[in-house]
């Protein structure tokens, strides 16, 4: 049984002037101890979905089950108790600016009735876990963005949650700080076995930390599965767009020029696994066909700790030669995905 199960979830927002279908028949299963990514561009519905997972937002239809228990059938008292198992961190940290770091972390414990001395002791232990022992008396205004998010993570851990929901938790951070926060989350997942759900619009975040991903667009899940499989063999337009956007962000210095070149003749994308990276496939192909190909993009991505080579080739106009090149690549055990002009 999955720890989190979403069944036929629909959320409709209505006002005097309009009706918005924010979520449409969402079905999802997240296993205990997983790091699960939910990705989509702005307006995809991902933040609404994550708020439904702890019933901060009540669905219009459908069910959310945590360990087999339907949140929709719980009383308010039962729901409050259940929420202690489901912590949440946000893009803008939501710290209490008038309280110092140790008091911010202690705050949820004090609300639960824990004595102040005991709450502060636990808060200091949690600050040690997130690497901020020396900042316990500092105030949020004195901290960097990454340090604020570490305080928010320590505060989220105070109630010993079994599930941690992260809503765009790294979007306000620079790439280096983002990497350190993701490493911290991965460490927390391994150390405590906490299930982590990451909401993001950045494929780079999904690649670095998640084992599974659901891709959302216009309130629907368009594709889901293992991150490695979707990166290597995306089946939907939305997945391909996010992967190519991720590649462009990695080449920010020449992304505009790359996009111009991607409007040329036929393009194909191939992914090299660890096993296929030892053979010089492209060089051997050029030698066999006697024709060069245009390498529009080449990069190595870290997908769940595994190095994956990615390459986009521009092929000659000759259809017969295109087929010869594609056949050669397939014979080498690599799969080909055509890159069209709209991605």
C-alpha atoms as a PDB file:
ATOM      1  CA  UNK A   1       0.000   0.000   0.000  1.00  0.00           C
ATOM      2  CA  UNK A   2       1.354   3.414  -0.983  1.00  0.00           C
ATOM      3  CA  UNK A   3       1.926   5.907   1.825  1.00  0.00           C
ATOM      4  CA  UNK A   4       0.223   8.674  -0.170  1.00  0.00           C
ATOM      5  CA  UNK A   5      -2.560   7.774  -2.589  1.00  0.00           C
ATOM      6  CA  UNK A   6      -4.557  10.267  -4.630  1.00  0.00           C
ATOM      7  CA  UNK A   7      -7.682   8.986  -6.354  1.00  0.00           C
ATOM      8  CA  UNK A   8      -9.591  10.890  -9.052  1.00  0.00           C
ATOM      9  CA  UNK A   9      -8.795  14.219  -7.416  1.00  0.00           C
ATOM     10  CA  UNK A  10     -10.537  17.295  -8.835  1.00  0.00           C
ATOM     11  CA  UNK A  11     -10.349  20.859  -7.570  1.00  0.00           C
ATOM     12  CA  UNK A  12     -12.563  23.609  -8.997  1.00  0.00           C
ATOM     13  CA  UNK A  13     -12.284  27.223  -7.887  1.00  0.00           C
ATOM     14  CA  UNK A  14     -15.434  29.237  -8.470  1.00  0.00           C
ATOM     15  CA  UNK A  15     -16.116  32.930  -8.175  1.00  0.00           C
ATOM     16  CA  UNK A  16     -18.936  35.222  -9.206  1.00  0.00           C
ATOM     17  CA  UNK A  17     -17.381  35.698 -12.638  1.00  0.00           C
ATOM     18  CA  UNK A  18     -15.481  32.495 -13.422  1.00  0.00           C
ATOM     19  CA  UNK A  19     -14.860  28.818 -12.791  1.00  0.00           C
ATOM     20  CA  UNK A  20     -11.293  27.415 -12.868  1.00  0.00           C
ATOM     21  CA  UNK A  21     -10.571  23.682 -13.125  1.00  0.00           C
ATOM     22  CA  UNK A  22      -7.301  23.719 -11.163  1.00  0.00           C
ATOM     23  CA  UNK A  23      -7.010  19.899 -10.926  1.00  0.00           C
ATOM     24  CA  UNK A  24      -8.636  17.358 -13.231  1.00  0.00           C
ATOM     25  CA  UNK A  25      -8.928  13.689 -12.227  1.00  0.00           C
ATOM     26  CA  UNK A  26      -5.479  13.367 -10.601  1.00  0.00           C
ATOM     27  CA  UNK A  27      -4.322   9.855  -9.695  1.00  0.00           C
ATOM     28  CA  UNK A  28      -1.025   9.362  -7.885  1.00  0.00           C
ATOM     29  CA  UNK A  29       0.785   6.889  -5.624  1.00  0.00           C
ATOM     30  CA  UNK A  30       3.841   7.787  -3.553  1.00  0.00           C
ATOM     31  CA  UNK A  31       5.652   5.067  -1.632  1.00  0.00           C
ATOM     32  CA  UNK A  32       7.004   5.445   1.889  1.00  0.00           C
ATOM     33  CA  UNK A  33      10.562   6.820   1.908  1.00  0.00           C
ATOM     34  CA  UNK A  34      10.423   8.033  -1.692  1.00  0.00           C
ATOM     35  CA  UNK A  35      11.570  11.435  -2.947  1.00  0.00           C
ATOM     36  CA  UNK A  36       8.833  12.247  -5.445  1.00  0.00           C
ATOM     37  CA  UNK A  37       8.887  15.239  -7.759  1.00  0.00           C
ATOM     38  CA  UNK A  38       5.844  17.055  -9.144  1.00  0.00           C
ATOM     39  CA  UNK A  39       6.894  19.400 -11.926  1.00  0.00           C
ATOM     40  CA  UNK A  40       5.156  21.804 -14.256  1.00  0.00           C
ATOM     41  CA  UNK A  41       5.241  25.379 -15.438  1.00  0.00           C
ATOM     42  CA  UNK A  42       3.374  28.203 -13.682  1.00  0.00           C
ATOM     43  CA  UNK A  43      -0.362  27.518 -13.570  1.00  0.00           C
ATOM     44  CA  UNK A  44       0.003  23.750 -14.026  1.00  0.00           C
ATOM     45  CA  UNK A  45      -1.794  23.063 -10.726  1.00  0.00           C
ATOM     46  CA  UNK A  46       1.126  21.578  -8.807  1.00  0.00           C
ATOM     47  CA  UNK A  47       0.902  23.903  -5.774  1.00  0.00           C
ATOM     48  CA  UNK A  48      -2.841  23.293  -5.521  1.00  0.00           C
ATOM     49  CA  UNK A  49      -2.156  19.556  -5.600  1.00  0.00           C
ATOM     50  CA  UNK A  50       0.417  19.684  -2.806  1.00  0.00           C
ATOM     51  CA  UNK A  51      -1.977  21.722  -0.621  1.00  0.00           C
ATOM     52  CA  UNK A  52      -4.607  19.036  -1.187  1.00  0.00           C
ATOM     53  CA  UNK A  53      -2.182  16.388   0.125  1.00  0.00           C
ATOM     54  CA  UNK A  54      -2.575  17.758   3.662  1.00  0.00           C
ATOM     55  CA  UNK A  55      -6.093  19.168   3.131  1.00  0.00           C
ATOM     56  CA  UNK A  56      -5.034  22.790   3.484  1.00  0.00           C
ATOM     57  CA  UNK A  57      -7.070  22.867   0.280  1.00  0.00           C
ATOM     58  CA  UNK A  58     -10.122  20.601   0.267  1.00  0.00           C
ATOM     59  CA  UNK A  59     -10.725  18.825  -3.060  1.00  0.00           C
ATOM     60  CA  UNK A  60     -13.967  19.314  -4.939  1.00  0.00           C
ATOM     61  CA  UNK A  61     -14.039  15.579  -5.729  1.00  0.00           C
ATOM     62  CA  UNK A  62     -11.822  12.577  -5.129  1.00  0.00           C
ATOM     63  CA  UNK A  63      -9.816  11.169  -2.260  1.00  0.00           C
ATOM     64  CA  UNK A  64      -6.459  11.683  -0.548  1.00  0.00           C
ATOM     65  CA  UNK A  65      -5.324   8.719   1.545  1.00  0.00           C
ATOM     66  CA  UNK A  66      -2.357   8.764   3.929  1.00  0.00           C
ATOM     67  CA  UNK A  67      -1.377   5.256   5.033  1.00  0.00           C
ATOM     68  CA  UNK A  68      -4.789   4.093   3.828  1.00  0.00           C
ATOM     69  CA  UNK A  69      -6.745   6.689   5.839  1.00  0.00           C
ATOM     70  CA  UNK A  70      -9.022   9.010   3.844  1.00  0.00           C
ATOM     71  CA  UNK A  71      -8.425  12.633   4.908  1.00  0.00           C
ATOM     72  CA  UNK A  72     -11.869  13.585   3.589  1.00  0.00           C
ATOM     73  CA  UNK A  73     -13.555  11.365   6.164  1.00  0.00           C
ATOM     74  CA  UNK A  74     -11.685  12.838   9.140  1.00  0.00           C
ATOM     75  CA  UNK A  75     -13.083  15.312  11.642  1.00  0.00           C
ATOM     76  CA  UNK A  76     -11.248  18.630  12.086  1.00  0.00           C
ATOM     77  CA  UNK A  77      -9.656  17.259  15.268  1.00  0.00           C
ATOM     78  CA  UNK A  78      -8.480  14.092  13.490  1.00  0.00           C
ATOM     79  CA  UNK A  79      -7.198  16.178  10.582  1.00  0.00           C
ATOM     80  CA  UNK A  80      -5.151  18.415  12.888  1.00  0.00           C
ATOM     81  CA  UNK A  81      -3.588  15.310  14.441  1.00  0.00           C
ATOM     82  CA  UNK A  82      -2.829  13.847  11.010  1.00  0.00           C
ATOM     83  CA  UNK A  83      -1.170  17.085   9.869  1.00  0.00           C
ATOM     84  CA  UNK A  84       1.516  16.646  12.549  1.00  0.00           C
ATOM     85  CA  UNK A  85       2.792  13.823  10.355  1.00  0.00           C
ATOM     86  CA  UNK A  86       2.857  16.087   7.266  1.00  0.00           C
ATOM     87  CA  UNK A  87       5.254  19.045   7.465  1.00  0.00           C
ATOM     88  CA  UNK A  88       5.632  21.709   4.786  1.00  0.00           C
ATOM     89  CA  UNK A  89       8.317  24.158   3.647  1.00  0.00           C
ATOM     90  CA  UNK A  90       7.793  27.043   1.245  1.00  0.00           C
ATOM     91  CA  UNK A  91       9.595  29.231  -1.283  1.00  0.00           C
ATOM     92  CA  UNK A  92       9.673  32.285   1.014  1.00  0.00           C
ATOM     93  CA  UNK A  93      10.535  30.418   4.257  1.00  0.00           C
ATOM     94  CA  UNK A  94       7.603  31.842   6.372  1.00  0.00           C
ATOM     95  CA  UNK A  95       9.797  32.475   9.412  1.00  0.00           C
ATOM     96  CA  UNK A  96       8.716  34.681  12.338  1.00  0.00           C
ATOM     97  CA  UNK A  97      10.869  37.779  11.859  1.00  0.00           C
ATOM     98  CA  UNK A  98      10.558  38.936  15.472  1.00  0.00           C
ATOM     99  CA  UNK A  99      11.854  35.633  16.871  1.00  0.00           C
ATOM    100  CA  UNK A 100      15.419  34.343  16.781  1.00  0.00           C
ATOM    101  CA  UNK A 101      16.394  31.088  15.079  1.00  0.00           C
ATOM    102  CA  UNK A 102      16.075  28.753  18.056  1.00  0.00           C
ATOM    103  CA  UNK A 103      12.679  30.253  18.961  1.00  0.00           C
ATOM    104  CA  UNK A 104      11.468  29.828  15.360  1.00  0.00           C
ATOM    105  CA  UNK A 105      12.314  26.126  15.509  1.00  0.00           C
ATOM    106  CA  UNK A 106      10.829  25.761  19.014  1.00  0.00           C
ATOM    107  CA  UNK A 107       7.564  27.484  18.089  1.00  0.00           C
ATOM    108  CA  UNK A 108       5.577  24.471  16.750  1.00  0.00           C
ATOM    109  CA  UNK A 109       6.632  22.401  19.774  1.00  0.00           C
ATOM    110  CA  UNK A 110       5.411  25.081  22.194  1.00  0.00           C
ATOM    111  CA  UNK A 111       2.062  25.166  20.369  1.00  0.00           C
ATOM    112  CA  UNK A 112       1.810  21.399  20.902  1.00  0.00           C
ATOM    113  CA  UNK A 113       2.289  21.907  24.652  1.00  0.00           C
ATOM    114  CA  UNK A 114       5.951  20.877  24.945  1.00  0.00           C
ATOM    115  CA  UNK A 115       7.738  22.636  27.847  1.00  0.00           C
ATOM    116  CA  UNK A 116      10.007  25.502  26.793  1.00  0.00           C
ATOM    117  CA  UNK A 117      13.239  23.915  28.078  1.00  0.00           C
ATOM    118  CA  UNK A 118      12.533  20.643  26.275  1.00  0.00           C
ATOM    119  CA  UNK A 119      11.452  22.463  23.101  1.00  0.00           C
ATOM    120  CA  UNK A 120      14.656  24.535  23.002  1.00  0.00           C
ATOM    121  CA  UNK A 121      16.780  21.439  23.571  1.00  0.00           C
ATOM    122  CA  UNK A 122      15.177  19.680  20.610  1.00  0.00           C
ATOM    123  CA  UNK A 123      15.418  22.851  18.504  1.00  0.00           C
ATOM    124  CA  UNK A 124      19.179  23.014  19.113  1.00  0.00           C
ATOM    125  CA  UNK A 125      19.531  19.353  18.086  1.00  0.00           C
ATOM    126  CA  UNK A 126      17.650  20.067  14.851  1.00  0.00           C
ATOM    127  CA  UNK A 127      19.806  23.124  14.147  1.00  0.00           C
ATOM    128  CA  UNK A 128      22.795  20.795  14.414  1.00  0.00           C
ATOM    129  CA  UNK A 129      21.249  18.481  11.810  1.00  0.00           C
ATOM    130  CA  UNK A 130      20.789  21.368   9.333  1.00  0.00           C
ATOM    131  CA  UNK A 131      24.242  22.824  10.097  1.00  0.00           C
ATOM    132  CA  UNK A 132      23.209  26.041  11.857  1.00  0.00           C
ATOM    133  CA  UNK A 133      24.206  25.504  15.508  1.00  0.00           C
ATOM    134  CA  UNK A 134      26.153  28.771  15.569  1.00  0.00           C
ATOM    135  CA  UNK A 135      23.147  30.794  14.347  1.00  0.00           C
ATOM    136  CA  UNK A 136      20.677  29.887  17.099  1.00  0.00           C
ATOM    137  CA  UNK A 137      20.504  33.458  18.500  1.00  0.00           C
ATOM    138  CA  UNK A 138      20.465  35.207  15.104  1.00  0.00           C
ATOM    139  CA  UNK A 139      17.279  36.701  13.649  1.00  0.00           C
ATOM    140  CA  UNK A 140      15.949  35.872  10.169  1.00  0.00           C
ATOM    141  CA  UNK A 141      16.954  39.308   8.831  1.00  0.00           C
ATOM    142  CA  UNK A 142      20.587  38.437   9.615  1.00  0.00           C
ATOM    143  CA  UNK A 143      20.521  35.192   7.573  1.00  0.00           C
ATOM    144  CA  UNK A 144      21.095  34.380   3.906  1.00  0.00           C
ATOM    145  CA  UNK A 145      18.336  32.759   1.857  1.00  0.00           C
ATOM    146  CA  UNK A 146      19.911  29.328   2.202  1.00  0.00           C
ATOM    147  CA  UNK A 147      20.245  29.724   5.970  1.00  0.00           C
ATOM    148  CA  UNK A 148      16.594  30.796   6.248  1.00  0.00           C
ATOM    149  CA  UNK A 149      15.523  27.689   4.359  1.00  0.00           C
ATOM    150  CA  UNK A 150      17.645  25.520   6.684  1.00  0.00           C
ATOM    151  CA  UNK A 151      15.847  27.067   9.660  1.00  0.00           C
ATOM    152  CA  UNK A 152      12.513  26.351   7.950  1.00  0.00           C
ATOM    153  CA  UNK A 153      13.565  22.722   7.411  1.00  0.00           C
ATOM    154  CA  UNK A 154      14.616  22.381  11.074  1.00  0.00           C
ATOM    155  CA  UNK A 155      11.248  23.830  12.138  1.00  0.00           C
ATOM    156  CA  UNK A 156       9.420  21.390   9.833  1.00  0.00           C
ATOM    157  CA  UNK A 157      11.285  18.474  11.428  1.00  0.00           C
ATOM    158  CA  UNK A 158      10.343  19.569  14.965  1.00  0.00           C
ATOM    159  CA  UNK A 159       7.101  17.567  15.029  1.00  0.00           C
ATOM    160  CA  UNK A 160       8.830  14.365  13.788  1.00  0.00           C
ATOM    161  CA  UNK A 161       6.874  14.258  10.506  1.00  0.00           C
ATOM    162  CA  UNK A 162       6.675  11.188   8.303  1.00  0.00           C
ATOM    163  CA  UNK A 163       6.047  13.270   5.164  1.00  0.00           C
ATOM    164  CA  UNK A 164       7.707  16.531   4.090  1.00  0.00           C
ATOM    165  CA  UNK A 165       6.058  18.654   1.383  1.00  0.00           C
ATOM    166  CA  UNK A 166       8.350  21.159  -0.348  1.00  0.00           C
ATOM    167  CA  UNK A 167       6.510  23.817  -2.378  1.00  0.00           C
ATOM    168  CA  UNK A 168       9.080  25.527  -4.663  1.00  0.00           C
ATOM    169  CA  UNK A 169      11.465  25.402  -1.692  1.00  0.00           C
ATOM    170  CA  UNK A 170      14.569  26.263  -3.754  1.00  0.00           C
ATOM    171  CA  UNK A 171      13.074  28.712  -6.284  1.00  0.00           C
ATOM    172  CA  UNK A 172      14.308  31.803  -4.418  1.00  0.00           C
ATOM    173  CA  UNK A 173      17.866  30.448  -4.091  1.00  0.00           C
ATOM    174  CA  UNK A 174      20.938  30.638  -6.314  1.00  0.00           C
ATOM    175  CA  UNK A 175      22.177  27.375  -7.970  1.00  0.00           C
ATOM    176  CA  UNK A 176      24.953  26.709  -5.448  1.00  0.00           C
ATOM    177  CA  UNK A 177      22.648  27.216  -2.460  1.00  0.00           C
ATOM    178  CA  UNK A 178      19.954  25.133  -4.162  1.00  0.00           C
ATOM    179  CA  UNK A 179      22.429  22.252  -4.516  1.00  0.00           C
ATOM    180  CA  UNK A 180      23.306  22.401  -0.788  1.00  0.00           C
ATOM    181  CA  UNK A 181      19.612  22.436   0.239  1.00  0.00           C
ATOM    182  CA  UNK A 182      18.887  19.454  -2.026  1.00  0.00           C
ATOM    183  CA  UNK A 183      21.806  17.559  -0.464  1.00  0.00           C
ATOM    184  CA  UNK A 184      20.382  18.346   2.976  1.00  0.00           C
ATOM    185  CA  UNK A 185      16.950  17.045   1.963  1.00  0.00           C
ATOM    186  CA  UNK A 186      18.508  13.877   0.543  1.00  0.00           C
ATOM    187  CA  UNK A 187      20.422  13.371   3.807  1.00  0.00           C
ATOM    188  CA  UNK A 188      17.229  13.866   5.857  1.00  0.00           C
ATOM    189  CA  UNK A 189      15.403  11.362   3.648  1.00  0.00           C
ATOM    190  CA  UNK A 190      18.137   8.742   4.143  1.00  0.00           C
ATOM    191  CA  UNK A 191      18.673   9.430   7.850  1.00  0.00           C
ATOM    192  CA  UNK A 192      15.034   9.506   8.966  1.00  0.00           C
ATOM    193  CA  UNK A 193      13.202   7.709   6.158  1.00  0.00           C
ATOM    194  CA  UNK A 194      10.923  10.719   5.647  1.00  0.00           C
ATOM    195  CA  UNK A 195       8.904  10.700   2.433  1.00  0.00           C
ATOM    196  CA  UNK A 196       9.607  13.925   0.529  1.00  0.00           C
ATOM    197  CA  UNK A 197       7.355  15.465  -2.129  1.00  0.00           C
ATOM    198  CA  UNK A 198       9.047  18.225  -4.135  1.00  0.00           C
ATOM    199  CA  UNK A 199       7.010  20.755  -6.108  1.00  0.00           C
ATOM    200  CA  UNK A 200       9.123  22.616  -8.681  1.00  0.00           C
ATOM    201  CA  UNK A 201       9.259  24.045 -12.185  1.00  0.00           C
ATOM    202  CA  UNK A 202      12.955  23.160 -12.536  1.00  0.00           C
ATOM    203  CA  UNK A 203      13.940  19.848 -14.129  1.00  0.00           C
ATOM    204  CA  UNK A 204      17.431  20.247 -12.655  1.00  0.00           C
ATOM    205  CA  UNK A 205      15.927  19.893  -9.142  1.00  0.00           C
ATOM    206  CA  UNK A 206      14.079  16.721 -10.179  1.00  0.00           C
ATOM    207  CA  UNK A 207      17.223  15.225 -11.739  1.00  0.00           C
ATOM    208  CA  UNK A 208      19.383  15.816  -8.688  1.00  0.00           C
ATOM    209  CA  UNK A 209      17.172  14.440  -5.939  1.00  0.00           C
ATOM    210  CA  UNK A 210      14.002  12.638  -7.073  1.00  0.00           C
ATOM    211  CA  UNK A 211      13.524   8.951  -7.893  1.00  0.00           C
ATOM    212  CA  UNK A 212      10.029   9.413  -9.385  1.00  0.00           C
ATOM    213  CA  UNK A 213       8.313  12.334 -11.077  1.00  0.00           C
ATOM    214  CA  UNK A 214       4.856  13.399 -12.247  1.00  0.00           C
ATOM    215  CA  UNK A 215       4.707  16.025 -14.987  1.00  0.00           C
ATOM    216  CA  UNK A 216       1.716  18.381 -14.803  1.00  0.00           C
ATOM    217  CA  UNK A 217       0.151  20.719 -17.324  1.00  0.00           C
ATOM    218  CA  UNK A 218      -3.181  22.559 -17.186  1.00  0.00           C
ATOM    219  CA  UNK A 219      -4.352  20.724 -14.079  1.00  0.00           C
ATOM    220  CA  UNK A 220      -3.571  17.229 -15.409  1.00  0.00           C
ATOM    221  CA  UNK A 221      -0.762  14.718 -14.986  1.00  0.00           C
ATOM    222  CA  UNK A 222       0.621  14.207 -18.490  1.00  0.00           C
ATOM    223  CA  UNK A 223       3.407  11.741 -17.674  1.00  0.00           C
ATOM    224  CA  UNK A 224       4.784   9.941 -14.620  1.00  0.00           C
ATOM    225  CA  UNK A 225       7.439   7.371 -13.807  1.00  0.00           C
ATOM    226  CA  UNK A 226      11.069   6.902 -12.840  1.00  0.00           C
ATOM    227  CA  UNK A 227      13.116  10.070 -13.372  1.00  0.00           C
ATOM    228  CA  UNK A 228      15.863   8.192 -15.220  1.00  0.00           C
ATOM    229  CA  UNK A 229      13.352   6.619 -17.626  1.00  0.00           C
ATOM    230  CA  UNK A 230      11.539   9.886 -18.380  1.00  0.00           C
ATOM    231  CA  UNK A 231      14.825  11.751 -18.889  1.00  0.00           C
ATOM    232  CA  UNK A 232      16.046   9.084 -21.310  1.00  0.00           C
ATOM    233  CA  UNK A 233      12.733   8.392 -23.083  1.00  0.00           C
ATOM    234  CA  UNK A 234      10.190  11.219 -22.625  1.00  0.00           C
ATOM    235  CA  UNK A 235       6.828  10.293 -24.136  1.00  0.00           C
ATOM    236  CA  UNK A 236       4.961  13.607 -23.997  1.00  0.00           C
ATOM    237  CA  UNK A 237       5.494  17.086 -25.396  1.00  0.00           C
ATOM    238  CA  UNK A 238       5.476  18.507 -21.842  1.00  0.00           C
ATOM    239  CA  UNK A 239       8.295  16.189 -20.722  1.00  0.00           C
ATOM    240  CA  UNK A 240      10.397  17.012 -23.783  1.00  0.00           C
ATOM    241  CA  UNK A 241       9.894  20.753 -23.240  1.00  0.00           C
ATOM    242  CA  UNK A 242      11.054  20.551 -19.614  1.00  0.00           C
ATOM    243  CA  UNK A 243      14.116  18.464 -20.522  1.00  0.00           C
ATOM    244  CA  UNK A 244      15.147  20.833 -23.312  1.00  0.00           C
ATOM    245  CA  UNK A 245      14.539  23.869 -21.084  1.00  0.00           C
ATOM    246  CA  UNK A 246      16.795  22.242 -18.486  1.00  0.00           C
ATOM    247  CA  UNK A 247      19.499  21.845 -21.151  1.00  0.00           C
ATOM    248  CA  UNK A 248      19.146  25.485 -22.239  1.00  0.00           C
ATOM    249  CA  UNK A 249      19.520  26.685 -18.636  1.00  0.00           C
ATOM    250  CA  UNK A 250      22.762  24.712 -18.483  1.00  0.00           C
ATOM    251  CA  UNK A 251      23.938  26.640 -21.565  1.00  0.00           C
ATOM    252  CA  UNK A 252      22.638  30.062 -20.544  1.00  0.00           C
ATOM    253  CA  UNK A 253      25.489  31.860 -22.235  1.00  0.00           C
ATOM    254  CA  UNK A 254      24.429  30.696 -25.703  1.00  0.00           C
ATOM    255  CA  UNK A 255      20.838  29.533 -25.236  1.00  0.00           C
ATOM    256  CA  UNK A 256      19.449  32.022 -27.720  1.00  0.00           C
ATOM    257  CA  UNK A 257      21.887  30.900 -30.391  1.00  0.00           C
ATOM    258  CA  UNK A 258      21.093  27.262 -29.637  1.00  0.00           C
ATOM    259  CA  UNK A 259      17.384  27.926 -30.082  1.00  0.00           C
ATOM    260  CA  UNK A 260      18.030  29.567 -33.455  1.00  0.00           C
ATOM    261  CA  UNK A 261      20.025  26.563 -34.600  1.00  0.00           C
ATOM    262  CA  UNK A 262      17.324  24.197 -33.361  1.00  0.00           C
ATOM    263  CA  UNK A 263      15.015  25.622 -36.025  1.00  0.00           C
ATOM    264  CA  UNK A 264      17.171  24.027 -38.766  1.00  0.00           C
ATOM    265  CA  UNK A 265      16.492  20.688 -40.573  1.00  0.00           C
ATOM    266  CA  UNK A 266      15.785  17.373 -38.820  1.00  0.00           C
ATOM    267  CA  UNK A 267      17.066  17.085 -35.262  1.00  0.00           C
ATOM    268  CA  UNK A 268      17.353  14.007 -33.056  1.00  0.00           C
ATOM    269  CA  UNK A 269      18.108  13.589 -29.363  1.00  0.00           C
ATOM    270  CA  UNK A 270      20.053  10.627 -28.027  1.00  0.00           C
ATOM    271  CA  UNK A 271      20.995   9.763 -24.449  1.00  0.00           C
ATOM    272  CA  UNK A 272      24.149   7.854 -23.536  1.00  0.00           C
ATOM    273  CA  UNK A 273      24.046   5.618 -20.482  1.00  0.00           C
ATOM    274  CA  UNK A 274      27.138   4.502 -18.547  1.00  0.00           C
ATOM    275  CA  UNK A 275      27.415   1.387 -20.737  1.00  0.00           C
ATOM    276  CA  UNK A 276      27.071   3.209 -24.055  1.00  0.00           C
ATOM    277  CA  UNK A 277      29.441   6.044 -23.218  1.00  0.00           C
ATOM    278  CA  UNK A 278      32.615   4.013 -23.825  1.00  0.00           C
ATOM    279  CA  UNK A 279      32.165   3.670 -27.595  1.00  0.00           C
ATOM    280  CA  UNK A 280      32.770   6.757 -29.789  1.00  0.00           C
ATOM    281  CA  UNK A 281      29.394   6.274 -31.504  1.00  0.00           C
ATOM    282  CA  UNK A 282      29.265   9.621 -33.314  1.00  0.00           C
ATOM    283  CA  UNK A 283      32.863   9.464 -34.546  1.00  0.00           C
ATOM    284  CA  UNK A 284      32.384   5.899 -35.843  1.00  0.00           C
ATOM    285  CA  UNK A 285      29.107   6.891 -37.489  1.00  0.00           C
ATOM    286  CA  UNK A 286      30.797   9.771 -39.334  1.00  0.00           C
ATOM    287  CA  UNK A 287      33.551   7.425 -40.512  1.00  0.00           C
ATOM    288  CA  UNK A 288      31.018   4.869 -41.775  1.00  0.00           C
ATOM    289  CA  UNK A 289      28.670   7.292 -43.571  1.00  0.00           C
ATOM    290  CA  UNK A 290      31.332   9.694 -44.759  1.00  0.00           C
ATOM    291  CA  UNK A 291      29.118  12.624 -43.763  1.00  0.00           C
ATOM    292  CA  UNK A 292      29.405  14.905 -40.766  1.00  0.00           C
ATOM    293  CA  UNK A 293      26.481  15.737 -38.496  1.00  0.00           C
ATOM    294  CA  UNK A 294      25.945  19.019 -36.714  1.00  0.00           C
ATOM    295  CA  UNK A 295      26.197  18.609 -32.920  1.00  0.00           C
ATOM    296  CA  UNK A 296      23.735  21.257 -31.739  1.00  0.00           C
ATOM    297  CA  UNK A 297      24.079  20.423 -28.080  1.00  0.00           C
ATOM    298  CA  UNK A 298      26.073  18.010 -25.939  1.00  0.00           C
ATOM    299  CA  UNK A 299      26.036  17.778 -22.175  1.00  0.00           C
ATOM    300  CA  UNK A 300      26.297  15.436 -19.220  1.00  0.00           C
ATOM    301  CA  UNK A 301      23.497  15.446 -16.650  1.00  0.00           C
ATOM    302  CA  UNK A 302      23.392  13.975 -13.153  1.00  0.00           C
ATOM    303  CA  UNK A 303      20.169  11.936 -13.025  1.00  0.00           C
ATOM    304  CA  UNK A 304      19.705  10.509  -9.543  1.00  0.00           C
ATOM    305  CA  UNK A 305      23.472  10.243  -9.060  1.00  0.00           C
ATOM    306  CA  UNK A 306      24.036   8.566 -12.453  1.00  0.00           C
ATOM    307  CA  UNK A 307      25.862  10.415 -15.235  1.00  0.00           C
ATOM    308  CA  UNK A 308      23.808  10.592 -18.433  1.00  0.00           C
ATOM    309  CA  UNK A 309      25.230  11.977 -21.651  1.00  0.00           C
ATOM    310  CA  UNK A 310      22.766  13.934 -23.775  1.00  0.00           C
ATOM    311  CA  UNK A 311      23.277  15.013 -27.375  1.00  0.00           C
ATOM    312  CA  UNK A 312      21.128  16.746 -29.987  1.00  0.00           C
ATOM    313  CA  UNK A 313      22.248  16.249 -33.583  1.00  0.00           C
ATOM    314  CA  UNK A 314      21.261  18.162 -36.693  1.00  0.00           C
ATOM    315  CA  UNK A 315      21.103  15.708 -39.620  1.00  0.00           C
ATOM    316  CA  UNK A 316      21.817  16.276 -43.309  1.00  0.00           C
ATOM    317  CA  UNK A 317      18.846  17.082 -45.592  1.00  0.00           C
ATOM    318  CA  UNK A 318      19.248  13.793 -47.522  1.00  0.00           C
ATOM    319  CA  UNK A 319      16.417  11.476 -46.313  1.00  0.00           C
ATOM    320  CA  UNK A 320      18.331   8.320 -47.249  1.00  0.00           C
ATOM    321  CA  UNK A 321      21.357   9.502 -45.269  1.00  0.00           C
ATOM    322  CA  UNK A 322      19.158  10.445 -42.327  1.00  0.00           C
ATOM    323  CA  UNK A 323      17.820   6.883 -42.184  1.00  0.00           C
ATOM    324  CA  UNK A 324      21.338   5.430 -42.483  1.00  0.00           C
ATOM    325  CA  UNK A 325      22.512   7.556 -39.547  1.00  0.00           C
ATOM    326  CA  UNK A 326      19.474   6.691 -37.421  1.00  0.00           C
ATOM    327  CA  UNK A 327      19.804   2.974 -38.187  1.00  0.00           C
ATOM    328  CA  UNK A 328      23.461   3.040 -37.162  1.00  0.00           C
ATOM    329  CA  UNK A 329      22.644   4.715 -33.817  1.00  0.00           C
ATOM    330  CA  UNK A 330      19.846   2.212 -33.092  1.00  0.00           C
ATOM    331  CA  UNK A 331      22.204  -0.697 -33.932  1.00  0.00           C
ATOM    332  CA  UNK A 332      24.515   0.609 -31.194  1.00  0.00           C
ATOM    333  CA  UNK A 333      21.690   0.111 -28.660  1.00  0.00           C
ATOM    334  CA  UNK A 334      20.698   3.783 -28.357  1.00  0.00           C
ATOM    335  CA  UNK A 335      17.174   5.115 -28.724  1.00  0.00           C
ATOM    336  CA  UNK A 336      16.350   8.115 -30.867  1.00  0.00           C
ATOM    337  CA  UNK A 337      13.844  10.841 -30.141  1.00  0.00           C
ATOM    338  CA  UNK A 338      13.060  13.395 -32.837  1.00  0.00           C
ATOM    339  CA  UNK A 339      13.221  17.016 -31.697  1.00  0.00           C
ATOM    340  CA  UNK A 340      10.582  19.094 -33.450  1.00  0.00           C
ATOM    341  CA  UNK A 341      10.512  22.832 -33.978  1.00  0.00           C
ATOM    342  CA  UNK A 342       7.964  23.477 -31.221  1.00  0.00           C
ATOM    343  CA  UNK A 343      10.155  22.340 -28.347  1.00  0.00           C
END
